[in-house]
Amino acid sequence: MKKVIKNNYKIIIGFIIGLLFSITTVYAIDAYIESNKVAYNNHNKTNVEEAIDELYERSGIHKTKWVDPVLNGADPVLKEPLIPVEIKNNGDVYYASLNSEWYNYSEKRWANAVILTDSAKTYKVGDKISDSDIKGYFVWIPRYQYIIWDEGKYNNLIDYSQLTDIKENPTVETALWRITGNKNKLIKIKFGNVEKAPKMNESEAILNKYYTHPAFTLGDKDLNGIWVGKFETGITNIIVVKPNVNSMRSPAVKGLFDTAKDFDNTLDSHMMKNTEWGAVAYLSHSQYGAGRVVNVNNASDFVTGYSATLETNQDIMPGESGLSSDSTKTQPWNTPVGYLASTTGNISGIYDMNGGVGEMMAGYSQNAGDRSGFSSEEILTQIKEGYIDEYSADSSITDHTSYDKRILGDATGELGPFYSYFDINGNALPRSNWYGSFSAFIDPVGYWFVRGGNYASGSIGGQFNFDRNSGIGSGDVGMRLILAPIK
């Protein structure tokens, strides 16, 4: 009996020693890799390190879950069916380990996640995920505050006839905004979770300078951030958010709105609001984003994820476009030219915020002529629940110049002053001092916001472009999906 007990002790002690040796070995290898990192797919990671991440995941010996220190607690909220992924430069998608540095906003690598078409399909950490299995790509916009640089109290246009003979000499139209003064700047941002970036009203924001962006409040819910469709919403045999598909377009606002709400109820999916567009636009023009107007998707057949081959959309006159089949004019998302259409300047960002289809926003000013398909009662309910941004009813009094009726943070009124530009046909166009983007506020003709411009917008498009629509939709207008899970 004593011999059996002694043997059992030996087995237990041997098991403990073996386990300690395994743990020590794993940590030693990990420490070695940490000191010998090399550049891998635009960030510091080796193939061996990825294998170690998988070893941790499978062994149950977990490192601390990765959090990005610059986000101050506003790290991605992951709930089923969202799967964290890393996307290689060629567009290949891999299941990311939560223990690895799968995003880093200081390096302009934004967090990405996907939803599978078939929830029963199983992948594990480290696996390559087939594009055919992906229903939607999404990018995390962390909760943040930004410094207010302009209160946006503009309500008129400066007449360029006072400044130039542009109407008689329209060939210099694209350079005009540079001559008269371009006021775009890097937007100062600091991230923080609900506790570190509490919401505030507009008067508090103006007093304190830093303002918690309103996109991170949805009705009575404070959000740690939002998941934004990486591409314009597309349609195959189902609704998808993917590259290289035709954008969904034409339905009236209610059709777009209901489609978005039905995409995934568990993640509070909804149609993008005007303030949510503003949150992405501002982050794209901060130290954490591209810091430039993103390239136009000039594919005239409305295919998602393309980029004009010119260096910037400012080199393209309005009306110019290319075919998606013409590689000399436009390139897909997973190419060096394609990266220029991303909000980060690399493959981790958000695409189609310039060109493609104009994107209808859930941003509205009450009007008796509304053609959205909503009843007045339905709109009021959705406004109350936070799914539609409501604008002052008198924002339609003047001719698309009521910029002072903006919602702070929506990337409209803060982009002034605004000017009358003349196009090559001598027509006056309202444009901002941020890249000369087209800037028509909601008015008696259109009382729903449309953002980004379409494939033929050229130099007047971009993430700072805004226009209006009566709500009826059109053949070159679609929408973008938002997911808003609570932590």
Protein backbone atom coordinates (compact mmCIF):
# COMPACT_ATOMS: atom_id res chain seq x y z
CA MET A 1 0.00 0.00 0.00
CA LYS A 2 2.77 2.44 0.89
CA LYS A 3 4.47 1.65 -2.39
CA VAL A 4 1.27 2.48 -4.35
CA ILE A 5 0.93 5.80 -2.48
CA LYS A 6 4.56 6.64 -3.14
CA ASN A 7 4.10 5.83 -6.83
CA ASN A 8 0.99 8.06 -6.96
CA TYR A 9 2.98 10.89 -5.36
CA LYS A 10 5.68 10.42 -7.96
CA ILE A 11 3.13 10.58 -10.78
CA ILE A 12 1.55 13.75 -9.35
CA ILE A 13 4.92 15.42 -8.74
CA GLY A 14 6.06 14.43 -12.25
CA PHE A 15 2.88 15.88 -13.74
CA ILE A 16 3.35 19.18 -11.86
CA ILE A 17 7.00 19.43 -12.92
CA GLY A 18 6.03 18.72 -16.53
CA LEU A 19 3.30 21.35 -16.46
CA LEU A 20 5.63 23.93 -14.93
CA PHE A 21 8.23 23.10 -17.57
CA SER A 22 5.63 23.55 -20.36
CA ILE A 23 4.48 26.88 -18.99
CA THR A 24 8.05 28.06 -18.52
CA THR A 25 8.95 26.98 -22.04
CA VAL A 26 5.96 28.77 -23.56
CA TYR A 27 6.73 31.96 -21.67
CA ALA A 28 10.43 31.72 -22.53
CA ILE A 29 9.68 31.31 -26.22
CA ASP A 30 7.21 34.16 -26.02
CA ALA A 31 9.77 36.39 -24.34
CA TYR A 32 12.33 35.49 -26.98
CA ILE A 33 9.90 36.35 -29.77
CA GLU A 34 8.98 39.63 -28.09
CA SER A 35 12.64 40.65 -28.25
CA ASN A 36 13.12 39.46 -31.83
CA LYS A 37 10.05 40.76 -33.66
CA VAL A 38 10.24 41.59 -37.32
CA ALA A 39 7.83 43.50 -39.54
CA TYR A 40 5.04 41.16 -40.64
CA ASN A 41 2.12 42.34 -42.77
CA ASN A 42 2.64 45.98 -41.77
CA HIS A 43 2.89 45.29 -38.05
CA ASN A 44 5.27 43.65 -35.62
CA LYS A 45 4.45 39.96 -35.72
CA THR A 46 6.25 36.80 -36.83
CA ASN A 47 4.88 33.51 -38.12
CA VAL A 48 6.29 31.84 -35.00
CA GLU A 49 4.55 34.39 -32.78
CA GLU A 50 1.25 33.59 -34.44
CA ALA A 51 1.87 29.90 -33.73
CA ILE A 52 2.56 30.73 -30.09
CA ASP A 53 -0.69 32.70 -29.88
CA GLU A 54 -2.50 29.63 -31.14
CA LEU A 55 -0.64 27.44 -28.63
CA TYR A 56 -1.83 29.69 -25.82
CA GLU A 57 -5.36 29.58 -27.13
CA ARG A 58 -5.50 25.79 -27.41
CA SER A 59 -3.61 24.94 -24.22
CA GLY A 60 -5.76 26.99 -21.90
CA ILE A 61 -2.65 28.84 -20.70
CA HIS A 62 -3.82 32.37 -21.45
CA LYS A 63 -1.84 35.53 -21.66
CA THR A 64 -3.54 38.75 -20.75
CA LYS A 65 -6.16 39.69 -23.32
CA TRP A 66 -4.78 42.38 -25.62
CA VAL A 67 -5.99 45.91 -24.98
CA ASP A 68 -4.70 48.96 -26.82
CA PRO A 69 -3.36 51.42 -24.22
CA VAL A 70 -4.20 54.44 -26.37
CA LEU A 71 -7.92 53.53 -26.32
CA ASN A 72 -8.25 54.00 -22.54
CA GLY A 73 -10.78 51.20 -22.20
CA ALA A 74 -12.66 51.84 -25.46
CA ASP A 75 -11.54 48.49 -26.90
CA PRO A 76 -13.78 46.48 -29.24
CA VAL A 77 -16.97 44.94 -27.87
CA LEU A 78 -17.13 41.43 -29.31
CA LYS A 79 -20.34 39.45 -29.09
CA GLU A 80 -21.54 36.53 -31.17
CA PRO A 81 -21.70 36.27 -34.11
CA LEU A 82 -18.77 38.74 -34.49
CA ILE A 83 -15.38 37.07 -35.06
CA PRO A 84 -12.16 39.09 -34.55
CA VAL A 85 -9.95 38.99 -37.63
CA GLU A 86 -6.70 40.24 -39.06
CA ILE A 87 -6.70 41.05 -42.76
CA LYS A 88 -3.50 40.57 -44.76
CA ASN A 89 -2.47 43.08 -47.39
CA ASN A 90 -3.75 40.81 -50.16
CA GLY A 91 -7.19 40.66 -48.53
CA ASP A 92 -6.86 37.21 -46.91
CA VAL A 93 -8.79 37.07 -43.62
CA TYR A 94 -7.54 35.16 -40.55
CA TYR A 95 -9.26 34.41 -37.26
CA ALA A 96 -7.40 36.59 -34.73
CA SER A 97 -6.31 35.58 -31.25
CA LEU A 98 -7.60 37.91 -28.55
CA ASN A 99 -4.24 37.44 -26.82
CA SER A 100 -2.37 38.93 -29.77
CA GLU A 101 -1.99 42.53 -30.87
CA TRP A 102 -4.71 42.23 -33.50
CA TYR A 103 -5.28 46.00 -33.67
CA ASN A 104 -3.24 49.07 -32.79
CA TYR A 105 -4.73 52.52 -33.37
CA SER A 106 -1.44 54.34 -32.82
CA GLU A 107 -0.18 52.42 -35.86
CA LYS A 108 -3.43 53.18 -37.76
CA ARG A 109 -4.45 49.52 -37.61
CA TRP A 110 -8.14 49.54 -36.77
CA ALA A 111 -9.87 46.48 -35.31
CA ASN A 112 -11.79 44.34 -37.80
CA ALA A 113 -14.40 41.63 -37.32
CA VAL A 114 -16.58 39.52 -39.59
CA ILE A 115 -19.94 37.80 -39.43
CA LEU A 116 -20.33 34.46 -41.20
CA THR A 117 -23.16 33.62 -43.56
CA ASP A 118 -23.68 30.28 -41.79
CA SER A 119 -23.44 30.53 -38.00
CA ALA A 120 -22.95 26.77 -37.82
CA LYS A 121 -19.71 27.02 -39.78
CA THR A 122 -16.74 26.59 -37.43
CA TYR A 123 -13.34 28.22 -37.60
CA LYS A 124 -10.64 28.34 -34.94
CA VAL A 125 -7.93 30.86 -34.07
CA GLY A 126 -5.33 31.11 -36.81
CA ASP A 127 -7.57 29.71 -39.55
CA LYS A 128 -7.95 31.47 -42.86
CA ILE A 129 -11.62 32.37 -43.31
CA SER A 130 -12.99 31.90 -46.79
CA ASP A 131 -14.49 35.05 -48.30
CA SER A 132 -17.41 32.96 -49.55
CA ASP A 133 -18.30 32.23 -45.90
CA ILE A 134 -18.31 35.91 -44.88
CA LYS A 135 -21.58 37.83 -44.73
CA GLY A 136 -20.19 41.10 -43.44
CA TYR A 137 -16.92 42.93 -42.66
CA PHE A 138 -16.99 45.52 -39.84
CA VAL A 139 -14.49 48.00 -38.39
CA TRP A 140 -14.42 49.30 -34.79
CA ILE A 141 -14.72 53.04 -34.15
CA PRO A 142 -13.76 53.51 -30.48
CA ARG A 143 -15.53 56.04 -28.27
CA TYR A 144 -13.64 59.32 -28.32
CA GLN A 145 -13.62 63.03 -27.58
CA TYR A 146 -12.35 65.62 -30.04
CA ILE A 147 -11.27 69.25 -29.78
CA ILE A 148 -13.82 71.62 -31.29
CA TRP A 149 -12.05 73.82 -33.85
CA ASP A 150 -15.14 75.52 -35.30
CA GLU A 151 -18.64 75.86 -33.85
CA GLY A 152 -20.19 75.76 -37.30
CA LYS A 153 -22.44 78.79 -37.06
CA TYR A 154 -22.60 79.52 -40.79
CA ASN A 155 -25.79 80.35 -42.69
CA ASN A 156 -24.67 81.72 -46.03
CA LEU A 157 -22.25 81.31 -48.92
CA ILE A 158 -19.38 83.57 -49.93
CA ASP A 159 -19.84 84.54 -53.57
CA TYR A 160 -16.73 83.62 -55.52
CA SER A 161 -17.51 86.27 -58.13
CA GLN A 162 -16.05 88.67 -55.58
CA LEU A 163 -12.78 86.75 -55.54
CA THR A 164 -12.11 85.36 -59.00
CA ASP A 165 -13.20 85.23 -62.62
CA ILE A 166 -13.84 81.51 -62.23
CA LYS A 167 -17.23 81.69 -63.93
CA GLU A 168 -15.55 82.97 -67.09
CA ASN A 169 -12.55 80.66 -66.64
CA PRO A 170 -13.90 77.39 -65.19
CA THR A 171 -10.91 75.27 -66.20
CA VAL A 172 -9.20 76.09 -62.88
CA GLU A 173 -12.21 74.96 -60.85
CA THR A 174 -10.42 72.13 -59.04
CA ALA A 175 -7.65 74.42 -57.80
CA LEU A 176 -9.92 77.22 -56.61
CA TRP A 177 -10.39 76.01 -53.06
CA ARG A 178 -6.61 75.81 -52.67
CA ILE A 179 -6.21 79.42 -53.84
CA THR A 180 -8.79 80.84 -51.47
CA GLY A 181 -7.65 78.93 -48.42
CA ASN A 182 -8.13 75.34 -47.31
CA LYS A 183 -8.84 75.02 -43.60
CA ASN A 184 -8.64 71.27 -43.15
CA LYS A 185 -6.46 70.12 -40.24
CA LEU A 186 -5.64 67.04 -38.24
CA ILE A 187 -8.42 66.62 -35.71
CA LYS A 188 -7.20 66.16 -32.14
CA ILE A 189 -8.76 63.09 -30.57
CA LYS A 190 -8.48 61.21 -27.29
CA PHE A 191 -10.13 57.87 -26.76
CA GLY A 192 -11.89 56.70 -23.63
CA ASN A 193 -14.60 54.36 -22.44
CA VAL A 194 -17.90 55.57 -20.97
CA GLU A 195 -16.25 56.45 -17.65
CA LYS A 196 -13.24 58.20 -19.18
CA ALA A 197 -15.16 59.99 -21.93
CA PRO A 198 -18.52 60.87 -20.34
CA LYS A 199 -21.12 62.45 -22.58
CA MET A 200 -21.66 66.20 -22.34
CA ASN A 201 -24.00 68.75 -23.82
CA GLU A 202 -22.94 71.22 -26.49
CA SER A 203 -22.47 74.19 -24.16
CA GLU A 204 -20.24 72.11 -21.87
CA ALA A 205 -18.26 70.97 -24.90
CA ILE A 206 -17.67 74.50 -26.19
CA LEU A 207 -16.53 75.54 -22.73
CA ASN A 208 -14.25 72.52 -22.24
CA LYS A 209 -13.05 72.35 -25.89
CA TYR A 210 -13.00 68.53 -25.85
CA TYR A 211 -16.39 67.09 -26.85
CA THR A 212 -17.54 63.47 -26.52
CA HIS A 213 -18.74 62.60 -29.98
CA PRO A 214 -22.54 62.11 -30.05
CA ALA A 215 -22.25 58.98 -32.22
CA PHE A 216 -21.51 57.01 -29.04
CA THR A 217 -24.94 57.62 -27.54
CA LEU A 218 -27.82 55.60 -28.95
CA GLY A 219 -31.11 56.58 -27.34
CA ASP A 220 -30.54 56.00 -23.63
CA LYS A 221 -27.48 53.79 -24.20
CA ASP A 222 -23.86 54.91 -23.85
CA LEU A 223 -21.62 52.93 -26.20
CA ASN A 224 -17.96 51.96 -25.91
CA GLY A 225 -17.81 52.36 -29.67
CA ILE A 226 -19.59 51.24 -32.83
CA TRP A 227 -18.91 48.63 -35.51
CA VAL A 228 -19.14 50.27 -38.94
CA GLY A 229 -19.66 48.43 -42.22
CA LYS A 230 -16.25 48.22 -43.88
CA PHE A 231 -17.92 48.68 -47.26
CA GLU A 232 -21.18 50.08 -48.52
CA THR A 233 -24.05 47.67 -48.00
CA GLY A 234 -24.20 45.29 -50.94
CA ILE A 235 -26.63 42.77 -52.27
CA THR A 236 -26.08 39.31 -53.75
CA ASN A 237 -28.79 36.80 -53.01
CA ILE A 238 -28.71 38.27 -49.48
CA ILE A 239 -27.71 41.59 -47.89
CA VAL A 240 -23.93 41.66 -47.39
CA VAL A 241 -21.09 44.01 -46.40
CA LYS A 242 -18.26 42.87 -48.66
CA PRO A 243 -15.84 44.03 -51.36
CA ASN A 244 -16.42 43.34 -55.04
CA VAL A 245 -20.22 43.24 -54.87
CA ASN A 246 -22.87 45.60 -56.22
CA SER A 247 -24.01 48.23 -53.74
CA MET A 248 -27.62 48.08 -52.64
CA ARG A 249 -29.38 51.14 -54.06
CA SER A 250 -32.69 52.76 -55.02
CA PRO A 251 -35.08 51.98 -52.09
CA ALA A 252 -36.71 54.85 -50.21
CA VAL A 253 -35.38 55.56 -46.71
CA LYS A 254 -37.80 53.24 -44.92
CA GLY A 255 -36.76 50.31 -47.11
CA LEU A 256 -33.09 50.95 -46.35
CA PHE A 257 -33.83 51.51 -42.67
CA ASP A 258 -35.83 48.29 -42.25
CA THR A 259 -33.19 46.27 -44.12
CA ALA A 260 -30.50 47.53 -41.76
CA LYS A 261 -32.55 46.80 -38.64
CA ASP A 262 -33.18 43.23 -39.81
CA PHE A 263 -29.51 42.48 -40.53
CA ASP A 264 -28.68 41.33 -36.97
CA ASN A 265 -31.02 42.11 -34.08
CA THR A 266 -28.61 40.66 -31.49
CA LEU A 267 -26.02 43.33 -32.35
CA ASP A 268 -28.50 46.23 -32.67
CA SER A 269 -27.84 46.71 -36.38
CA HIS A 270 -29.18 49.91 -37.89
CA MET A 271 -28.83 52.32 -40.78
CA MET A 272 -25.95 54.75 -40.38
CA LYS A 273 -26.89 58.12 -38.87
CA ASN A 274 -25.43 61.43 -39.96
CA THR A 275 -23.56 61.77 -36.65
CA GLU A 276 -22.11 58.27 -37.03
CA TRP A 277 -20.78 59.23 -40.45
CA GLY A 278 -19.22 62.28 -38.81
CA ALA A 279 -17.50 60.10 -36.19
CA VAL A 280 -15.80 58.02 -38.90
CA ALA A 281 -14.90 61.09 -40.97
CA TYR A 282 -13.27 62.84 -38.00
CA LEU A 283 -11.31 59.77 -36.91
CA SER A 284 -10.09 59.34 -40.50
CA HIS A 285 -8.66 62.86 -40.38
CA SER A 286 -6.87 62.47 -37.04
CA GLN A 287 -3.42 61.13 -36.20
CA TYR A 288 -5.05 57.69 -36.06
CA GLY A 289 -6.33 57.78 -39.64
CA ALA A 290 -5.29 58.62 -43.20
CA GLY A 291 -5.29 62.37 -42.49
CA ARG A 292 -6.44 63.13 -46.03
CA VAL A 293 -9.50 62.99 -48.23
CA VAL A 294 -9.81 59.34 -49.20
CA ASN A 295 -9.69 58.31 -52.86
CA VAL A 296 -12.93 58.11 -54.78
CA ASN A 297 -14.47 54.76 -55.67
CA ASN A 298 -14.99 55.60 -59.33
CA ALA A 299 -16.34 52.21 -60.47
CA SER A 300 -19.36 53.22 -62.54
CA ASP A 301 -21.10 49.87 -62.05
CA PHE A 302 -21.35 50.54 -58.28
CA VAL A 303 -19.00 47.75 -57.17
CA THR A 304 -17.75 48.11 -53.60
CA GLY A 305 -14.15 48.57 -52.48
CA TYR A 306 -12.54 50.27 -55.49
CA SER A 307 -10.20 53.27 -55.75
CA ALA A 308 -9.31 55.66 -58.56
CA THR A 309 -5.75 55.17 -59.74
CA LEU A 310 -4.95 58.90 -59.46
CA GLU A 311 -3.18 59.98 -56.29
CA THR A 312 -6.23 61.79 -54.92
CA ASN A 313 -9.79 62.56 -55.95
CA GLN A 314 -8.80 66.25 -56.07
CA ASP A 315 -7.19 65.49 -59.43
CA ILE A 316 -10.51 64.29 -60.91
CA MET A 317 -13.01 66.76 -62.35
CA PRO A 318 -16.69 66.16 -61.46
CA GLY A 319 -18.25 63.82 -63.98
CA GLU A 320 -15.09 61.81 -64.61
CA SER A 321 -15.25 58.12 -63.77
CA GLY A 322 -13.77 54.78 -64.65
CA LEU A 323 -15.12 51.28 -65.20
CA SER A 324 -14.33 48.60 -62.62
CA SER A 325 -12.97 46.48 -65.48
CA ASP A 326 -10.51 49.20 -66.51
CA SER A 327 -7.47 48.65 -64.29
CA THR A 328 -5.81 51.81 -65.63
CA LYS A 329 -8.51 53.90 -63.94
CA THR A 330 -9.55 51.99 -60.84
CA GLN A 331 -8.16 49.26 -58.58
CA PRO A 332 -9.68 46.96 -55.89
CA TRP A 333 -9.37 47.38 -52.12
CA ASN A 334 -6.51 44.90 -51.63
CA THR A 335 -3.94 46.73 -53.76
CA PRO A 336 -1.64 49.68 -52.98
CA VAL A 337 -3.96 51.94 -54.99
CA GLY A 338 -6.96 50.46 -53.18
CA TYR A 339 -5.49 51.34 -49.78
CA LEU A 340 -5.75 55.05 -50.74
CA ALA A 341 -9.55 54.73 -50.59
CA SER A 342 -9.38 53.51 -46.97
CA THR A 343 -9.85 55.73 -43.91
CA THR A 344 -6.49 54.52 -42.58
CA GLY A 345 -4.50 54.45 -45.82
CA ASN A 346 -4.10 50.71 -45.31
CA ILE A 347 -6.31 47.63 -45.57
CA SER A 348 -7.60 47.83 -41.97
CA GLY A 349 -9.76 50.90 -42.61
CA ILE A 350 -13.22 51.67 -43.97
CA TYR A 351 -13.87 51.95 -47.72
CA ASP A 352 -16.38 53.62 -50.07
CA MET A 353 -16.65 56.83 -48.03
CA ASN A 354 -15.92 58.67 -51.25
CA GLY A 355 -17.84 57.66 -54.35
CA GLY A 356 -19.54 54.39 -55.14
CA VAL A 357 -23.13 55.27 -54.28
CA GLY A 358 -24.18 58.28 -52.26
CA GLU A 359 -25.09 56.97 -48.81
CA MET A 360 -28.46 57.89 -47.36
CA MET A 361 -28.21 58.82 -43.69
CA ALA A 362 -30.76 58.46 -40.91
CA GLY A 363 -30.60 62.23 -40.46
CA TYR A 364 -33.83 64.17 -41.00
CA SER A 365 -35.60 67.52 -40.77
CA GLN A 366 -39.39 67.32 -40.52
CA ASN A 367 -41.19 68.22 -43.73
CA ALA A 368 -44.74 67.67 -44.93
CA GLY A 369 -43.43 66.53 -48.31
CA ASP A 370 -41.42 63.62 -46.87
CA ARG A 371 -41.30 60.74 -49.33
CA SER A 372 -39.31 58.29 -47.21
CA GLY A 373 -42.16 55.80 -46.70
CA PHE A 374 -42.25 56.47 -42.94
CA SER A 375 -45.34 57.75 -41.21
CA SER A 376 -44.83 60.79 -38.95
CA GLU A 377 -45.42 58.58 -35.91
CA GLU A 378 -42.82 56.03 -37.03
CA ILE A 379 -40.20 58.72 -37.52
CA LEU A 380 -40.86 60.24 -34.10
CA THR A 381 -40.53 56.79 -32.49
CA GLN A 382 -37.19 56.11 -34.20
CA ILE A 383 -35.90 59.58 -33.26
CA LYS A 384 -36.83 58.95 -29.63
CA GLU A 385 -35.08 55.56 -29.65
CA GLY A 386 -31.95 57.15 -31.13
CA TYR A 387 -31.96 55.59 -34.60
CA ILE A 388 -32.59 58.83 -36.52
CA ASP A 389 -30.79 62.14 -35.99
CA GLU A 390 -33.36 64.93 -35.81
CA TYR A 391 -32.51 68.34 -37.22
CA SER A 392 -34.24 71.59 -36.48
CA ALA A 393 -37.43 71.97 -38.53
CA ASP A 394 -36.39 75.47 -39.55
CA SER A 395 -33.14 74.17 -41.04
CA SER A 396 -35.06 74.15 -44.33
CA ILE A 397 -35.87 77.86 -44.37
CA THR A 398 -32.89 79.00 -46.45
CA ASP A 399 -31.51 77.53 -49.64
CA HIS A 400 -29.36 74.60 -48.40
CA THR A 401 -27.15 76.92 -46.33
CA SER A 402 -28.49 76.44 -42.78
CA TYR A 403 -25.14 75.12 -41.60
CA ASP A 404 -25.76 76.63 -38.16
CA LYS A 405 -28.48 73.99 -37.63
CA ARG A 406 -25.82 71.27 -37.66
CA ILE A 407 -25.44 68.71 -34.89
CA LEU A 408 -21.97 69.24 -33.49
CA GLY A 409 -19.85 66.32 -34.66
CA ASP A 410 -21.80 65.45 -37.82
CA ALA A 411 -19.10 66.83 -40.17
CA THR A 412 -21.30 69.50 -41.75
CA GLY A 413 -21.32 73.02 -40.24
CA GLU A 414 -17.88 72.67 -38.68
CA LEU A 415 -16.31 72.52 -42.16
CA GLY A 416 -16.93 76.19 -43.03
CA PRO A 417 -16.76 78.81 -44.21
CA PHE A 418 -18.70 77.79 -47.30
CA TYR A 419 -18.40 79.18 -50.82
CA SER A 420 -20.13 79.28 -54.20
CA TYR A 421 -17.91 77.43 -56.63
CA PHE A 422 -18.59 77.31 -60.33
CA ASP A 423 -18.35 74.04 -62.21
CA ILE A 424 -17.13 73.67 -65.80
CA ASN A 425 -20.61 74.61 -67.02
CA GLY A 426 -20.68 77.79 -64.96
CA ASN A 427 -23.15 76.41 -62.38
CA ALA A 428 -22.73 77.59 -58.78
CA LEU A 429 -22.09 74.80 -56.28
CA PRO A 430 -21.93 75.08 -52.46
CA ARG A 431 -18.60 73.79 -51.25
CA SER A 432 -16.72 73.77 -47.97
CA ASN A 433 -13.25 74.84 -46.94
CA TRP A 434 -12.37 71.18 -46.34
CA TYR A 435 -11.10 69.91 -49.69
CA GLY A 436 -13.80 71.86 -51.52
CA SER A 437 -16.32 69.07 -50.90
CA PHE A 438 -19.90 69.59 -52.04
CA SER A 439 -21.85 71.00 -49.06
CA ALA A 440 -25.61 71.25 -49.46
CA PHE A 441 -27.49 71.21 -46.14
CA ILE A 442 -31.02 69.80 -45.93
CA ASP A 443 -33.58 72.22 -47.38
CA PRO A 444 -37.13 72.40 -48.82
CA VAL A 445 -36.11 70.12 -51.70
CA GLY A 446 -34.32 67.48 -49.65
CA TYR A 447 -34.71 66.74 -45.93
CA TRP A 448 -32.66 63.55 -45.55
CA PHE A 449 -28.85 63.70 -45.60
CA VAL A 450 -26.80 61.85 -48.24
CA ARG A 451 -23.03 61.52 -47.73
CA GLY A 452 -19.85 60.82 -49.68
CA GLY A 453 -20.92 61.56 -53.25
CA ASN A 454 -21.18 58.94 -56.00
CA TYR A 455 -18.71 57.39 -58.44
CA ALA A 456 -18.77 60.48 -60.70
CA SER A 457 -18.38 63.10 -57.95
CA GLY A 458 -14.67 63.59 -58.57
CA SER A 459 -13.21 66.51 -56.63
CA ILE A 460 -16.48 67.41 -54.89
CA GLY A 461 -16.84 63.99 -53.20
CA GLY A 462 -15.19 62.55 -50.10
CA GLN A 463 -15.87 61.81 -46.45
CA PHE A 464 -16.65 65.52 -45.90
CA ASN A 465 -19.21 65.71 -48.72
CA PHE A 466 -22.87 66.19 -47.77
CA ASP A 467 -26.02 66.53 -49.85
CA ARG A 468 -29.77 66.00 -49.40
CA ASN A 469 -32.60 63.85 -50.73
CA SER A 470 -36.39 63.91 -50.42
CA GLY A 471 -36.33 60.40 -48.98
CA ILE A 472 -37.52 58.61 -52.06
CA GLY A 473 -34.09 57.22 -52.92
CA SER A 474 -32.56 56.92 -56.38
CA GLY A 475 -30.46 54.66 -58.56
CA ASP A 476 -27.19 56.01 -57.19
CA VAL A 477 -28.08 56.12 -53.48
CA GLY A 478 -27.58 53.32 -50.93
CA MET A 479 -26.62 53.01 -47.26
CA ARG A 480 -24.13 51.69 -44.70
CA LEU A 481 -24.66 49.36 -41.75
CA ILE A 482 -23.83 50.04 -38.09
CA LEU A 483 -23.66 47.52 -35.21
CA ALA A 484 -24.00 48.82 -31.65
CA PRO A 485 -23.47 46.02 -29.08
CA ILE A 486 -23.36 47.00 -25.41
CA LYS A 487 -20.29 46.04 -23.35
